[in-house]
Amino acid sequence: MRGLGRIGLISFLGMVLSVLLTISTAAGQEASQVATAANSAAPLTVTLLDALARAQANAPQYRAALTEYGVARENRVQSRAALLPNVNYNAQF
């Protein structure tokens, strides 16, 4: 996240957090369904790494957030390139 500005970073982290909350809500519903199916089973525990893995595999919002991050990063690279000096050479006979 080196090339991302402070506002872009906050926006990206907000999107990731919303995806994680959505997944944890879905996991909570899944856990309650599993618990009702088997009363003796322990509740499903979702770690942060599990939630991120599920988000990467299942959530299109996560993919959209990564795509937006990539686009913002590339826009910054191209904007900076416009400020660098140019060299043009034309050799005609």
C-alpha atoms as a PDB file:
ATOM      1  CA  MET A   1       0.000   0.000   0.000  1.00  0.00           C
ATOM      2  CA  ARG A   2       3.015   2.197  -0.453  1.00  0.00           C
ATOM      3  CA  GLY A   3       1.662   4.292  -3.312  1.00  0.00           C
ATOM      4  CA  LEU A   4      -1.769   4.903  -1.810  1.00  0.00           C
ATOM      5  CA  GLY A   5      -2.584   8.254  -0.224  1.00  0.00           C
ATOM      6  CA  ARG A   6      -4.039   8.606   3.257  1.00  0.00           C
ATOM      7  CA  ILE A   7      -7.614   9.085   2.041  1.00  0.00           C
ATOM      8  CA  GLY A   8      -7.311   6.171  -0.379  1.00  0.00           C
ATOM      9  CA  LEU A   9      -5.908   3.969   2.372  1.00  0.00           C
ATOM     10  CA  ILE A  10      -8.755   4.869   4.710  1.00  0.00           C
ATOM     11  CA  SER A  11     -11.253   4.172   1.937  1.00  0.00           C
ATOM     12  CA  PHE A  12      -9.632   0.822   1.117  1.00  0.00           C
ATOM     13  CA  LEU A  13      -9.528  -0.234   4.770  1.00  0.00           C
ATOM     14  CA  GLY A  14     -13.179   0.776   5.170  1.00  0.00           C
ATOM     15  CA  MET A  15     -14.150  -1.429   2.239  1.00  0.00           C
ATOM     16  CA  VAL A  16     -12.163  -4.367   3.616  1.00  0.00           C
ATOM     17  CA  LEU A  17     -13.755  -3.889   7.037  1.00  0.00           C
ATOM     18  CA  SER A  18     -17.258  -3.837   5.558  1.00  0.00           C
ATOM     19  CA  VAL A  19     -16.511  -7.052   3.658  1.00  0.00           C
ATOM     20  CA  LEU A  20     -15.217  -8.694   6.822  1.00  0.00           C
ATOM     21  CA  LEU A  21     -18.307  -7.633   8.741  1.00  0.00           C
ATOM     22  CA  THR A  22     -20.527  -9.039   6.016  1.00  0.00           C
ATOM     23  CA  ILE A  23     -18.641 -12.323   6.099  1.00  0.00           C
ATOM     24  CA  SER A  24     -18.687 -12.529   9.880  1.00  0.00           C
ATOM     25  CA  THR A  25     -22.446 -11.953   9.842  1.00  0.00           C
ATOM     26  CA  ALA A  26     -22.859 -14.726   7.299  1.00  0.00           C
ATOM     27  CA  ALA A  27     -20.545 -16.948   9.344  1.00  0.00           C
ATOM     28  CA  GLY A  28     -22.623 -16.214  12.444  1.00  0.00           C
ATOM     29  CA  GLN A  29     -25.770 -17.281  10.643  1.00  0.00           C
ATOM     30  CA  GLU A  30     -23.968 -20.384   9.392  1.00  0.00           C
ATOM     31  CA  ALA A  31     -22.761 -21.140  12.905  1.00  0.00           C
ATOM     32  CA  SER A  32     -26.273 -20.847  14.322  1.00  0.00           C
ATOM     33  CA  GLN A  33     -27.576 -23.212  11.643  1.00  0.00           C
ATOM     34  CA  VAL A  34     -24.805 -25.690  12.418  1.00  0.00           C
ATOM     35  CA  ALA A  35     -25.464 -25.380  16.157  1.00  0.00           C
ATOM     36  CA  THR A  36     -29.156 -26.095  15.725  1.00  0.00           C
ATOM     37  CA  ALA A  37     -28.389 -29.091  13.515  1.00  0.00           C
ATOM     38  CA  ALA A  38     -25.977 -30.612  16.016  1.00  0.00           C
ATOM     39  CA  ASN A  39     -26.508 -29.341  19.553  1.00  0.00           C
ATOM     40  CA  SER A  40     -23.393 -31.089  20.874  1.00  0.00           C
ATOM     41  CA  ALA A  41     -21.047 -29.441  18.332  1.00  0.00           C
ATOM     42  CA  ALA A  42     -18.957 -26.445  19.370  1.00  0.00           C
ATOM     43  CA  PRO A  43     -19.803 -23.111  17.709  1.00  0.00           C
ATOM     44  CA  LEU A  44     -17.897 -22.221  14.574  1.00  0.00           C
ATOM     45  CA  THR A  45     -14.905 -19.998  15.290  1.00  0.00           C
ATOM     46  CA  VAL A  46     -13.808 -17.727  12.459  1.00  0.00           C
ATOM     47  CA  THR A  47     -10.352 -16.210  12.707  1.00  0.00           C
ATOM     48  CA  LEU A  48      -9.243 -13.140  10.796  1.00  0.00           C
ATOM     49  CA  LEU A  49      -7.271 -15.274   8.343  1.00  0.00           C
ATOM     50  CA  ASP A  50     -10.309 -17.517   7.773  1.00  0.00           C
ATOM     51  CA  ALA A  51     -12.480 -14.476   7.163  1.00  0.00           C
ATOM     52  CA  LEU A  52      -9.985 -13.050   4.668  1.00  0.00           C
ATOM     53  CA  ALA A  53      -9.736 -16.392   2.869  1.00  0.00           C
ATOM     54  CA  ARG A  54     -13.525 -16.606   2.618  1.00  0.00           C
ATOM     55  CA  ALA A  55     -13.689 -13.024   1.416  1.00  0.00           C
ATOM     56  CA  GLN A  56     -11.151 -13.698  -1.307  1.00  0.00           C
ATOM     57  CA  ALA A  57     -12.981 -16.814  -2.432  1.00  0.00           C
ATOM     58  CA  ASN A  58     -16.617 -15.734  -2.139  1.00  0.00           C
ATOM     59  CA  ALA A  59     -17.131 -11.981  -1.943  1.00  0.00           C
ATOM     60  CA  PRO A  60     -17.239  -9.967  -5.166  1.00  0.00           C
ATOM     61  CA  GLN A  61     -17.069  -6.830  -3.002  1.00  0.00           C
ATOM     62  CA  TYR A  62     -13.569  -7.839  -1.895  1.00  0.00           C
ATOM     63  CA  ARG A  63     -12.477  -8.298  -5.508  1.00  0.00           C
ATOM     64  CA  ALA A  64     -14.027  -4.931  -6.368  1.00  0.00           C
ATOM     65  CA  ALA A  65     -12.115  -3.292  -3.508  1.00  0.00           C
ATOM     66  CA  LEU A  66      -8.845  -4.816  -4.730  1.00  0.00           C
ATOM     67  CA  THR A  67      -9.578  -3.669  -8.276  1.00  0.00           C
ATOM     68  CA  GLU A  68     -10.329  -0.127  -7.105  1.00  0.00           C
ATOM     69  CA  TYR A  69      -7.086  -0.140  -5.134  1.00  0.00           C
ATOM     70  CA  GLY A  70      -5.142  -1.240  -8.205  1.00  0.00           C
ATOM     71  CA  VAL A  71      -6.783   1.403 -10.385  1.00  0.00           C
ATOM     72  CA  ALA A  72      -6.062   4.139  -7.841  1.00  0.00           C
ATOM     73  CA  ARG A  73      -2.454   3.020  -7.567  1.00  0.00           C
ATOM     74  CA  GLU A  74      -1.999   2.989 -11.348  1.00  0.00           C
ATOM     75  CA  ASN A  75      -3.627   6.436 -11.647  1.00  0.00           C
ATOM     76  CA  ARG A  76      -1.094   7.770  -9.194  1.00  0.00           C
ATOM     77  CA  VAL A  77       1.794   6.207 -11.122  1.00  0.00           C
ATOM     78  CA  GLN A  78       0.554   7.678 -14.411  1.00  0.00           C
ATOM     79  CA  SER A  79      -0.077  11.093 -12.848  1.00  0.00           C
ATOM     80  CA  ARG A  80       3.447  11.189 -11.484  1.00  0.00           C
ATOM     81  CA  ALA A  81       4.841  10.135 -14.864  1.00  0.00           C
ATOM     82  CA  ALA A  82       3.159  13.166 -16.458  1.00  0.00           C
ATOM     83  CA  LEU A  83       5.272  15.418 -14.210  1.00  0.00           C
ATOM     84  CA  LEU A  84       8.570  13.821 -15.242  1.00  0.00           C
ATOM     85  CA  PRO A  85      10.569  15.287 -18.107  1.00  0.00           C
ATOM     86  CA  ASN A  86      10.132  13.891 -21.621  1.00  0.00           C
ATOM     87  CA  VAL A  87      12.755  13.352 -24.301  1.00  0.00           C
ATOM     88  CA  ASN A  88      11.719  13.271 -27.952  1.00  0.00           C
ATOM     89  CA  TYR A  89      14.121  12.681 -30.792  1.00  0.00           C
ATOM     90  CA  ASN A  90      13.256  12.737 -34.457  1.00  0.00           C
ATOM     91  CA  ALA A  91      15.899  11.631 -36.945  1.00  0.00           C
ATOM     92  CA  GLN A  92      14.834  12.066 -40.563  1.00  0.00           C
ATOM     93  CA  PHE A  93      16.954  12.072 -43.675  1.00  0.00           C
END
